[in-house]
Protein backbone atom coordinates (compact mmCIF):
# COMPACT_ATOMS: atom_id res chain seq x y z
CA MET A 1 -26.54 141.85 -102.36
CA LYS A 2 -27.40 144.19 -99.55
CA VAL A 3 -28.36 142.70 -96.03
CA LYS A 4 -31.64 144.68 -96.30
CA THR A 5 -32.84 142.20 -98.82
CA ILE A 6 -32.37 139.22 -96.77
CA TYR A 7 -33.72 140.92 -93.66
CA GLN A 8 -37.01 141.88 -95.47
CA PHE A 9 -37.36 138.39 -96.75
CA LEU A 10 -36.92 136.86 -93.15
CA ASP A 11 -39.34 139.56 -91.61
CA SER A 12 -41.97 138.49 -94.21
CA ILE A 13 -41.71 134.70 -93.39
CA SER A 14 -41.32 135.13 -89.57
CA PRO A 15 -42.16 138.67 -88.50
CA PHE A 16 -39.60 140.01 -86.03
CA GLU A 17 -42.51 141.93 -84.27
CA LEU A 18 -43.87 138.24 -83.00
CA GLN A 19 -40.82 137.86 -80.69
CA GLU A 20 -41.29 137.69 -76.93
CA LYS A 21 -40.82 140.98 -74.92
CA TRP A 22 -37.62 139.66 -73.36
CA ASP A 23 -36.10 138.42 -76.59
CA ASN A 24 -33.62 140.37 -78.73
CA SER A 25 -34.19 139.01 -82.25
CA GLY A 26 -33.46 140.96 -85.44
CA LEU A 27 -30.33 142.86 -86.81
CA LEU A 28 -27.77 142.81 -83.82
CA VAL A 29 -24.50 143.70 -85.47
CA GLY A 30 -23.84 145.48 -88.90
CA SER A 31 -26.11 147.48 -91.17
CA LEU A 32 -28.75 146.76 -93.43
CA GLU A 33 -26.99 148.62 -96.10
CA ASN A 34 -23.86 146.19 -95.93
CA SER A 35 -23.12 144.21 -99.19
CA ILE A 36 -22.55 140.72 -98.83
CA LYS A 37 -21.53 137.62 -100.81
CA LYS A 38 -22.21 134.89 -98.39
CA ILE A 39 -24.93 133.96 -95.84
CA TYR A 40 -24.13 131.67 -93.09
CA LEU A 41 -26.55 129.76 -90.76
CA SER A 42 -25.89 128.53 -87.20
CA LEU A 43 -27.81 127.73 -84.26
CA ASP A 44 -25.31 129.75 -82.02
CA LEU A 45 -22.02 131.67 -82.40
CA ASP A 46 -18.66 130.46 -80.97
CA LEU A 47 -15.33 131.79 -81.42
CA GLU A 48 -14.10 128.88 -83.56
CA LEU A 49 -17.07 129.34 -85.95
CA VAL A 50 -16.66 133.17 -86.18
CA GLU A 51 -12.89 132.67 -87.14
CA SER A 52 -14.10 130.42 -89.95
CA LEU A 53 -16.44 132.99 -91.57
CA GLU A 54 -15.39 135.18 -94.37
CA ASN A 55 -15.09 138.88 -93.99
CA ASN A 56 -18.07 140.91 -95.07
CA SER A 57 -20.63 138.27 -94.85
CA LEU A 58 -23.74 137.75 -92.97
CA ILE A 59 -24.63 135.16 -90.42
CA ILE A 60 -28.17 134.17 -89.34
CA THR A 61 -28.45 132.47 -85.91
CA HIS A 62 -31.28 131.13 -83.96
CA HIS A 63 -29.92 132.56 -80.49
CA PRO A 64 -29.05 136.10 -80.02
CA LEU A 65 -25.67 136.85 -79.13
CA ILE A 66 -26.78 139.88 -76.90
CA PHE A 67 -29.76 139.54 -74.57
CA GLU A 68 -28.87 142.12 -71.78
CA PRO A 69 -27.30 145.57 -72.47
CA LEU A 70 -23.65 145.60 -72.37
CA LYS A 71 -21.73 148.21 -70.36
CA ARG A 72 -18.55 147.60 -72.00
CA VAL A 73 -16.91 145.69 -74.80
CA ILE A 74 -13.44 144.62 -73.64
CA GLY A 75 -13.44 141.07 -74.66
CA GLU A 76 -13.88 139.36 -71.25
CA SER A 77 -17.24 137.55 -71.77
CA TYR A 78 -18.45 135.26 -74.36
CA ALA A 79 -20.50 137.76 -76.07
CA GLU A 80 -17.74 140.72 -75.85
CA LYS A 81 -15.29 138.42 -77.37
CA ILE A 82 -17.47 137.37 -80.41
CA LEU A 83 -18.74 140.88 -80.83
CA ILE A 84 -15.13 142.23 -81.34
CA LYS A 85 -14.35 139.70 -83.77
CA LEU A 86 -17.60 140.12 -85.65
CA ILE A 87 -16.87 143.93 -86.14
CA GLN A 88 -13.21 143.28 -86.79
CA LYS A 89 -14.31 141.14 -89.82
CA ASN A 90 -17.34 143.29 -90.86
CA ILE A 91 -19.64 140.47 -90.35
CA THR A 92 -23.46 141.31 -90.16
CA LEU A 93 -25.42 139.27 -87.46
CA ILE A 94 -29.29 138.58 -87.51
CA SER A 95 -30.98 136.44 -84.93
CA MET A 96 -34.39 134.91 -85.40
CA HIS A 97 -35.41 133.28 -81.96
CA THR A 98 -38.87 133.24 -80.49
CA ASN A 99 -40.45 134.55 -83.57
CA PHE A 100 -39.04 131.61 -85.55
CA ASP A 101 -40.02 129.21 -82.74
CA LYS A 102 -43.60 130.48 -83.03
CA THR A 103 -43.72 130.41 -86.93
CA ILE A 104 -41.51 127.85 -88.30
CA LEU A 105 -39.16 125.84 -86.09
CA ASN A 106 -41.49 123.84 -83.79
CA LYS A 107 -43.65 122.86 -86.84
CA PHE A 108 -40.59 121.79 -88.78
CA VAL A 109 -39.38 119.57 -85.93
CA MET A 110 -42.90 118.05 -85.53
CA GLU A 111 -43.29 117.42 -89.29
CA ARG A 112 -39.92 116.74 -90.52
CA VAL A 113 -38.03 115.18 -87.54
CA LEU A 114 -40.95 113.41 -85.77
CA GLY A 115 -42.94 112.70 -89.03
CA VAL A 116 -46.23 113.91 -87.50
CA LYS A 117 -48.61 115.84 -90.04
CA ASN A 118 -51.69 116.09 -87.87
CA TYR A 119 -51.27 118.14 -84.73
CA ILE A 120 -52.87 121.11 -82.99
CA GLU A 121 -51.36 124.31 -82.20
CA LYS A 122 -51.93 124.99 -78.30
CA GLY A 123 -50.58 128.53 -77.99
CA ASP A 124 -47.55 130.04 -79.56
CA PHE A 125 -45.05 127.47 -78.55
CA ILE A 126 -46.81 124.21 -77.80
CA LEU A 127 -47.90 121.67 -80.55
CA GLU A 128 -49.95 118.49 -79.49
CA ALA A 129 -50.54 115.30 -81.41
CA GLU A 130 -51.84 111.80 -80.82
CA VAL A 131 -49.39 109.05 -80.50
CA ASN A 132 -51.10 106.00 -78.81
CA LYS A 133 -48.02 103.98 -77.83
CA ASN A 134 -46.50 102.47 -74.69
CA PHE A 135 -44.01 104.87 -73.02
CA GLU A 136 -41.11 102.80 -73.57
CA GLU A 137 -41.97 102.32 -77.21
CA PHE A 138 -42.58 106.10 -77.60
CA VAL A 139 -39.27 106.91 -75.97
CA LEU A 140 -37.20 104.78 -78.26
CA ASP A 141 -38.90 106.11 -81.17
CA VAL A 142 -38.09 109.78 -80.08
CA LYS A 143 -34.48 108.86 -79.33
CA GLN A 144 -33.95 107.30 -82.71
CA LYS A 145 -35.48 110.38 -84.38
CA PHE A 146 -33.46 112.83 -82.70
CA ASN A 147 -30.41 110.69 -82.94
CA LEU A 148 -29.95 110.84 -79.05
CA GLU A 149 -27.32 108.43 -77.40
CA SER A 150 -29.36 108.43 -74.10
CA VAL A 151 -32.37 110.23 -73.01
CA LYS A 152 -33.52 111.42 -69.61
CA VAL A 153 -37.15 110.71 -68.92
CA VAL A 154 -39.94 110.95 -66.24
CA GLU A 155 -42.51 107.99 -66.69
CA SER A 156 -45.76 109.39 -65.20
CA LYS A 157 -48.12 107.17 -67.56
CA LYS A 158 -47.36 103.55 -69.18
CA PHE A 159 -49.54 104.45 -72.17
CA ILE A 160 -49.22 107.74 -74.01
CA LYS A 161 -52.29 108.86 -75.97
CA THR A 162 -51.24 112.23 -76.69
CA PHE A 163 -48.10 114.33 -76.42
CA SER A 164 -47.05 117.95 -76.80
CA LEU A 165 -43.78 119.31 -78.12
CA THR A 166 -41.79 122.64 -77.45
CA THR A 167 -38.18 122.74 -78.91
CA GLY A 168 -35.50 124.45 -76.75
CA SER A 169 -36.25 125.08 -73.16
CA GLY A 170 -40.06 124.82 -72.60
CA MET A 171 -40.64 123.64 -68.95
CA GLY A 172 -41.95 127.02 -68.07
CA LEU A 173 -44.97 125.90 -70.18
CA LEU A 174 -45.63 122.79 -68.01
CA PRO A 175 -48.81 124.19 -66.40
CA LYS A 176 -50.26 124.81 -70.10
CA ILE A 177 -49.65 121.06 -71.10
CA GLU A 178 -52.65 118.87 -71.36
CA SER A 179 -51.27 115.89 -72.99
CA ASP A 180 -49.83 112.57 -71.44
CA ALA A 181 -46.16 113.38 -72.50
CA PHE A 182 -44.25 116.49 -72.92
CA LEU A 183 -40.99 116.51 -75.29
CA THR A 184 -38.80 119.51 -74.59
CA GLY A 185 -35.18 120.41 -73.26
CA ASP A 186 -33.39 121.74 -70.28
CA ILE A 187 -35.54 119.71 -67.87
CA LYS A 188 -34.41 120.12 -64.20
CA TYR A 189 -34.99 118.06 -61.05
CA HIS A 190 -37.89 120.27 -59.69
CA ASP A 191 -39.45 120.44 -63.15
CA ALA A 192 -39.41 116.51 -63.12
CA MET A 193 -40.97 116.66 -59.61
CA GLU A 194 -43.77 118.93 -60.79
CA ALA A 195 -44.53 116.87 -64.00
CA LYS A 196 -44.77 114.03 -61.81
CA ALA A 197 -47.28 115.48 -59.54
CA ARG A 198 -49.39 116.61 -62.43
CA GLY A 199 -49.16 113.14 -64.13
CA ILE A 200 -47.16 114.20 -67.21
CA SER A 201 -44.54 112.06 -68.44
CA LEU A 202 -41.34 114.04 -69.83
CA ILE A 203 -38.75 113.11 -72.57
CA ASP A 204 -35.67 115.44 -72.36
CA ILE A 205 -34.92 116.06 -76.06
CA THR A 206 -32.24 118.50 -74.98
CA HIS A 207 -31.87 122.23 -76.04
CA TYR A 208 -29.19 121.59 -78.69
CA GLU A 209 -30.54 118.39 -80.13
CA SER A 210 -34.15 119.87 -80.53
CA GLU A 211 -33.10 123.21 -82.12
CA LYS A 212 -30.21 122.03 -84.29
CA PHE A 213 -32.60 121.74 -87.18
CA PHE A 214 -32.85 125.58 -87.17
CA CYS A 215 -30.46 125.72 -90.16
CA GLU A 216 -32.18 123.43 -92.18
CA ALA A 217 -35.42 124.84 -91.53
CA VAL A 218 -34.01 128.44 -92.67
CA LEU A 219 -32.12 126.98 -95.70
CA GLU A 220 -35.64 125.61 -96.80
CA GLN A 221 -37.13 129.21 -96.50
CA LEU A 222 -34.17 130.74 -98.37
CA ASN A 223 -34.45 128.67 -101.39
CA GLU A 224 -34.41 131.63 -103.75
CA PHE A 225 -31.07 132.55 -102.07
CA LYS A 226 -29.44 129.00 -101.70
CA ASN A 227 -26.55 129.84 -103.78
CA PHE A 228 -25.46 132.47 -101.34
CA VAL A 229 -25.99 130.13 -98.20
CA ILE A 230 -23.68 127.86 -96.24
CA ILE A 231 -24.48 126.04 -92.98
CA GLN A 232 -21.69 126.40 -90.51
CA ASN A 233 -23.36 125.00 -87.45
CA SER A 234 -22.11 125.57 -84.03
CA LYS A 235 -20.93 122.70 -81.79
CA ASN A 236 -22.83 121.47 -78.84
CA PRO A 237 -20.75 122.37 -75.79
CA PHE A 238 -21.64 119.41 -73.84
CA LYS A 239 -20.26 116.03 -74.15
CA ARG A 240 -21.49 112.71 -72.53
CA LEU A 241 -18.64 110.61 -71.25
């Protein structure tokens, strides 16, 4: 099977043209004419993961390996080391980032992880739904569903009527949030202060834990190719001690 077949299918379910201007989704390494026997799915790439991949295969990731133009490839940086290994093993890389967030991932997490079917799309990246729970009860529910050992929160309201969800790193969208609580990752100190001032509660579902469902979401879409697909997810670089 040629990479082109998979690329065209992915483009049909989540058009690459929908990605943000700053993004770098699409074919990043290899050729559409490459022949492959296996397709790997992963949130990210790391060296251990790349070493485990078979030669002449395709890997589909959420986060692009390359964001900024590379002036040299000498194996010093994270991206350079992995890029060299991919080329040596003739592994093709396709990334589906903000286009997949907009079309599939946020909805998948809302429906399949949080179990919410009725929600409103508030722009490209924000989903909003009713919850009607006390804040502490809502936090425990979210913690359990995302399998979080601990959770960082900002309590601005005791009772949560509505909440918004943006997987990954969504605090830049805070001015657009109209609900009582916002679930997203990568929440920083000044983000928390801003949310408090706006009367919005926060639950940090972390970047990795909120997007690790990427593989499952893609696999569901690739059902007709499932015999070729292997989930080989990257590991969370953070540990809690």
